C-alpha atoms as a PDB file:
ATOM      1  CA  MET A   1      45.392   2.724   8.722  1.00  0.00           C
ATOM      2  CA  LYS A   2      44.841   6.818   8.983  1.00  0.00           C
ATOM      3  CA  TYR A   3      42.348   8.375   6.943  1.00  0.00           C
ATOM      4  CA  GLY A   4      41.874  12.018   8.467  1.00  0.00           C
ATOM      5  CA  ARG A   5      38.658  13.894   7.766  1.00  0.00           C
ATOM      6  CA  THR A   6      39.307  14.045   4.085  1.00  0.00           C
ATOM      7  CA  GLY A   7      39.603  10.294   3.640  1.00  0.00           C
ATOM      8  CA  LEU A   8      36.808   8.945   5.926  1.00  0.00           C
ATOM      9  CA  ALA A   9      34.248  12.192   3.918  1.00  0.00           C
ATOM     10  CA  PHE A  10      35.736  10.070   0.178  1.00  0.00           C
ATOM     11  CA  VAL A  11      34.727   6.676   2.349  1.00  0.00           C
ATOM     12  CA  PHE A  12      31.671   7.657   3.629  1.00  0.00           C
ATOM     13  CA  LEU A  13      30.087   9.051   0.276  1.00  0.00           C
ATOM     14  CA  GLY A  14      31.250   5.837  -1.156  1.00  0.00           C
ATOM     15  CA  LEU A  15      29.236   3.883   1.570  1.00  0.00           C
ATOM     16  CA  VAL A  16      26.328   6.131   0.497  1.00  0.00           C
ATOM     17  CA  LEU A  17      26.145   5.858  -3.015  1.00  0.00           C
ATOM     18  CA  ALA A  18      26.860   1.916  -3.006  1.00  0.00           C
ATOM     19  CA  ALA A  19      24.009   1.934  -1.014  1.00  0.00           C
ATOM     20  CA  ALA A  20      21.925   4.304  -3.358  1.00  0.00           C
ATOM     21  CA  PRO A  21      20.185   2.097  -5.812  1.00  0.00           C
ATOM     22  CA  ALA A  22      18.557   0.022  -3.460  1.00  0.00           C
ATOM     23  CA  CYS A  23      16.515   2.842  -2.356  1.00  0.00           C
ATOM     24  CA  ARG A  24      15.293   3.345  -5.680  1.00  0.00           C
ATOM     25  CA  PRO A  25      11.753   1.811  -6.485  1.00  0.00           C
ATOM     26  CA  SER A  26      12.491  -2.028  -8.337  1.00  0.00           C
ATOM     27  CA  ALA A  27      10.288  -2.182 -11.617  1.00  0.00           C
ATOM     28  CA  ALA A  28       7.762  -4.349  -9.957  1.00  0.00           C
ATOM     29  CA  GLN A  29       7.257  -1.626  -6.778  1.00  0.00           C
ATOM     30  CA  VAL A  30       6.316   1.187  -9.570  1.00  0.00           C
ATOM     31  CA  VAL A  31       2.371   2.012  -9.868  1.00  0.00           C
ATOM     32  CA  ASP A  32       1.171   1.104 -13.463  1.00  0.00           C
ATOM     33  CA  PRO A  33      -1.130   3.790 -14.248  1.00  0.00           C
ATOM     34  CA  ALA A  34      -3.257   2.433 -16.776  1.00  0.00           C
ATOM     35  CA  ARG A  35      -3.812  -0.958 -14.371  1.00  0.00           C
ATOM     36  CA  ALA A  36      -4.521   1.744 -11.510  1.00  0.00           C
ATOM     37  CA  ARG A  37      -7.048   3.533 -13.407  1.00  0.00           C
ATOM     38  CA  GLU A  38      -8.999   0.314 -14.168  1.00  0.00           C
ATOM     39  CA  ALA A  39      -8.776  -0.503 -10.523  1.00  0.00           C
ATOM     40  CA  LEU A  40     -10.447   2.601  -9.505  1.00  0.00           C
ATOM     41  CA  GLN A  41     -12.982   2.339 -11.763  1.00  0.00           C
ATOM     42  CA  ALA A  42     -14.415  -1.368 -11.004  1.00  0.00           C
ATOM     43  CA  ALA A  43     -13.996  -0.550  -7.548  1.00  0.00           C
ATOM     44  CA  LEU A  44     -15.903   2.713  -8.752  1.00  0.00           C
ATOM     45  CA  THR A  45     -18.965   1.230 -10.556  1.00  0.00           C
ATOM     46  CA  ALA A  46     -18.957  -1.859  -8.298  1.00  0.00           C
ATOM     47  CA  TRP A  47     -20.348   0.626  -5.534  1.00  0.00           C
ATOM     48  CA  GLN A  48     -22.277   2.371  -8.284  1.00  0.00           C
ATOM     49  CA  LYS A  49     -23.791  -0.984  -8.496  1.00  0.00           C
ATOM     50  CA  GLY A  50     -25.011  -1.396  -5.222  1.00  0.00           C
ATOM     51  CA  GLN A  51     -21.821  -4.244  -4.369  1.00  0.00           C
ATOM     52  CA  SER A  52     -19.997  -3.676  -1.273  1.00  0.00           C
ATOM     53  CA  ALA A  53     -15.945  -3.029  -0.906  1.00  0.00           C
ATOM     54  CA  ASP A  54     -15.429  -6.391   1.033  1.00  0.00           C
ATOM     55  CA  SER A  55     -17.243  -8.015  -2.136  1.00  0.00           C
ATOM     56  CA  LEU A  56     -14.315  -6.910  -4.283  1.00  0.00           C
ATOM     57  CA  ARG A  57     -12.089  -9.062  -1.985  1.00  0.00           C
ATOM     58  CA  GLN A  58     -13.734 -11.937  -3.195  1.00  0.00           C
ATOM     59  CA  GLN A  59     -12.758 -11.059  -7.335  1.00  0.00           C
ATOM     60  CA  SER A  60      -9.591 -11.683  -9.044  1.00  0.00           C
ATOM     61  CA  PRO A  61      -7.458  -9.569  -9.149  1.00  0.00           C
ATOM     62  CA  SER A  62      -8.531  -8.751  -6.112  1.00  0.00           C
ATOM     63  CA  ILE A  63      -8.371  -5.017  -4.836  1.00  0.00           C
ATOM     64  CA  THR A  64      -9.003  -3.346  -1.466  1.00  0.00           C
ATOM     65  CA  VAL A  65     -10.583  -0.549  -0.777  1.00  0.00           C
ATOM     66  CA  ALA A  66     -10.488   1.615   1.841  1.00  0.00           C
ATOM     67  CA  GLU A  67     -13.200   4.189   1.734  1.00  0.00           C
ATOM     68  CA  THR A  68     -15.158   5.469   4.356  1.00  0.00           C
ATOM     69  CA  LYS A  69     -18.212   6.759   2.736  1.00  0.00           C
ATOM     70  CA  TRP A  70     -18.414   3.471   1.351  1.00  0.00           C
ATOM     71  CA  LYS A  71     -18.478   1.488   4.395  1.00  0.00           C
ATOM     72  CA  GLU A  72     -21.191   4.499   6.371  1.00  0.00           C
ATOM     73  CA  GLY A  73     -24.077   3.704   4.093  1.00  0.00           C
ATOM     74  CA  HIS A  74     -23.662   6.107   1.253  1.00  0.00           C
ATOM     75  CA  ARG A  75     -24.445   5.109  -2.255  1.00  0.00           C
ATOM     76  CA  LEU A  76     -22.338   6.487  -5.377  1.00  0.00           C
ATOM     77  CA  VAL A  77     -24.915   8.058  -7.929  1.00  0.00           C
ATOM     78  CA  ARG A  78     -22.248   9.164  -9.788  1.00  0.00           C
ATOM     79  CA  TYR A  79     -18.482   9.629 -10.604  1.00  0.00           C
ATOM     80  CA  GLU A  80     -16.308  11.087 -13.209  1.00  0.00           C
ATOM     81  CA  ILE A  81     -12.450  10.185 -12.692  1.00  0.00           C
ATOM     82  CA  SER A  82     -10.615  13.189 -13.902  1.00  0.00           C
ATOM     83  CA  ASP A  83      -7.488  12.800 -16.546  1.00  0.00           C
ATOM     84  CA  GLN A  84      -5.356  14.702 -14.207  1.00  0.00           C
ATOM     85  CA  ASN A  85      -3.822  11.825 -12.078  1.00  0.00           C
ATOM     86  CA  LYS A  86       0.103  11.873 -10.983  1.00  0.00           C
ATOM     87  CA  VAL A  87       2.001   9.478 -10.096  1.00  0.00           C
ATOM     88  CA  VAL A  88       3.335  10.112  -6.987  1.00  0.00           C
ATOM     89  CA  GLY A  89       6.359   8.010  -5.160  1.00  0.00           C
ATOM     90  CA  TYR A  90       4.624   4.215  -5.200  1.00  0.00           C
ATOM     91  CA  ASP A  91       1.192   4.987  -5.571  1.00  0.00           C
ATOM     92  CA  LEU A  92      -1.492   6.893  -8.412  1.00  0.00           C
ATOM     93  CA  GLU A  93      -3.053   9.626  -7.649  1.00  0.00           C
ATOM     94  CA  CYS A  94      -6.296  10.063  -9.179  1.00  0.00           C
ATOM     95  CA  ARG A  95      -8.900  13.095  -8.361  1.00  0.00           C
ATOM     96  CA  VAL A  96     -12.744  11.550  -8.788  1.00  0.00           C
ATOM     97  CA  LEU A  97     -15.928  14.191  -8.225  1.00  0.00           C
ATOM     98  CA  LEU A  98     -18.243  11.869  -7.005  1.00  0.00           C
ATOM     99  CA  VAL A  99     -22.177  12.529  -6.926  1.00  0.00           C
ATOM    100  CA  LEU A 100     -23.521  10.943  -3.068  1.00  0.00           C
ATOM    101  CA  GLN A 101     -26.727   9.905  -1.578  1.00  0.00           C
ATOM    102  CA  ASP A 102     -26.357   9.757   2.164  1.00  0.00           C
ATOM    103  CA  PRO A 103     -28.402   6.942   3.945  1.00  0.00           C
ATOM    104  CA  LYS A 104     -31.286   9.462   4.364  1.00  0.00           C
ATOM    105  CA  GLY A 105     -31.289  10.575   0.818  1.00  0.00           C
ATOM    106  CA  LYS A 106     -29.931  13.669   0.818  1.00  0.00           C
ATOM    107  CA  GLN A 107     -27.225  13.924  -2.448  1.00  0.00           C
ATOM    108  CA  THR A 108     -24.372  16.305  -2.154  1.00  0.00           C
ATOM    109  CA  GLU A 109     -21.028  16.193  -4.951  1.00  0.00           C
ATOM    110  CA  GLU A 110     -16.938  15.996  -3.651  1.00  0.00           C
ATOM    111  CA  LYS A 111     -14.353  16.190  -5.199  1.00  0.00           C
ATOM    112  CA  ALA A 112     -11.937  13.300  -3.750  1.00  0.00           C
ATOM    113  CA  VAL A 113      -8.652  12.056  -3.836  1.00  0.00           C
ATOM    114  CA  PHE A 114      -7.622   8.497  -4.644  1.00  0.00           C
ATOM    115  CA  THR A 115      -4.451   6.742  -3.747  1.00  0.00           C
ATOM    116  CA  VAL A 116      -3.777   3.488  -6.210  1.00  0.00           C
ATOM    117  CA  SER A 117      -1.262   1.019  -5.473  1.00  0.00           C
ATOM    118  CA  THR A 118      -0.732  -1.646  -7.794  1.00  0.00           C
ATOM    119  CA  SER A 119       1.820  -3.506  -6.465  1.00  0.00           C
ATOM    120  CA  PRO A 120       2.035  -5.716  -4.721  1.00  0.00           C
ATOM    121  CA  ALA A 121      -1.730  -5.716  -4.509  1.00  0.00           C
ATOM    122  CA  LEU A 122      -3.979  -3.426  -5.498  1.00  0.00           C
ATOM    123  CA  VAL A 123      -4.800  -1.061  -3.295  1.00  0.00           C
ATOM    124  CA  ILE A 124      -7.044   1.471  -2.888  1.00  0.00           C
ATOM    125  CA  VAL A 125      -7.257   4.667  -0.232  1.00  0.00           C
ATOM    126  CA  ARG A 126      -9.747   7.640  -0.115  1.00  0.00           C
ATOM    127  CA  ALA A 127      -6.833   9.908   0.511  1.00  0.00           C
ATOM    128  CA  ASP A 128      -8.774  13.188   1.895  1.00  0.00           C
ATOM    129  CA  GLY A 129     -10.686  11.742   4.133  1.00  0.00           C
END
């Protein structure tokens, strides 16, 4: 059976359109903004109280946090989560003002961006270094 160039283009387009629904995120993959914000707040509060990031994995629900300053021993003195959060892909991007104290006692103020995933697990990653 001969299709010609135009026919092949239509066959290819049909295959692409048939596969397109598989490329969309399922409801289970889409971030839950309220749950993401709650997880970020819980993690930052734990840091502020002097808990380790690893301790959050032991709680229910488990939260995995990747925050270098926390692991390096910086103390979180205060934080403010912005209301200007946005969904980016499968995550919620949150802007946070952090007031940190380094191990030597020096306080600094930093603007941080965290990405928070709620599916398949609660994962928080500092996205700006």
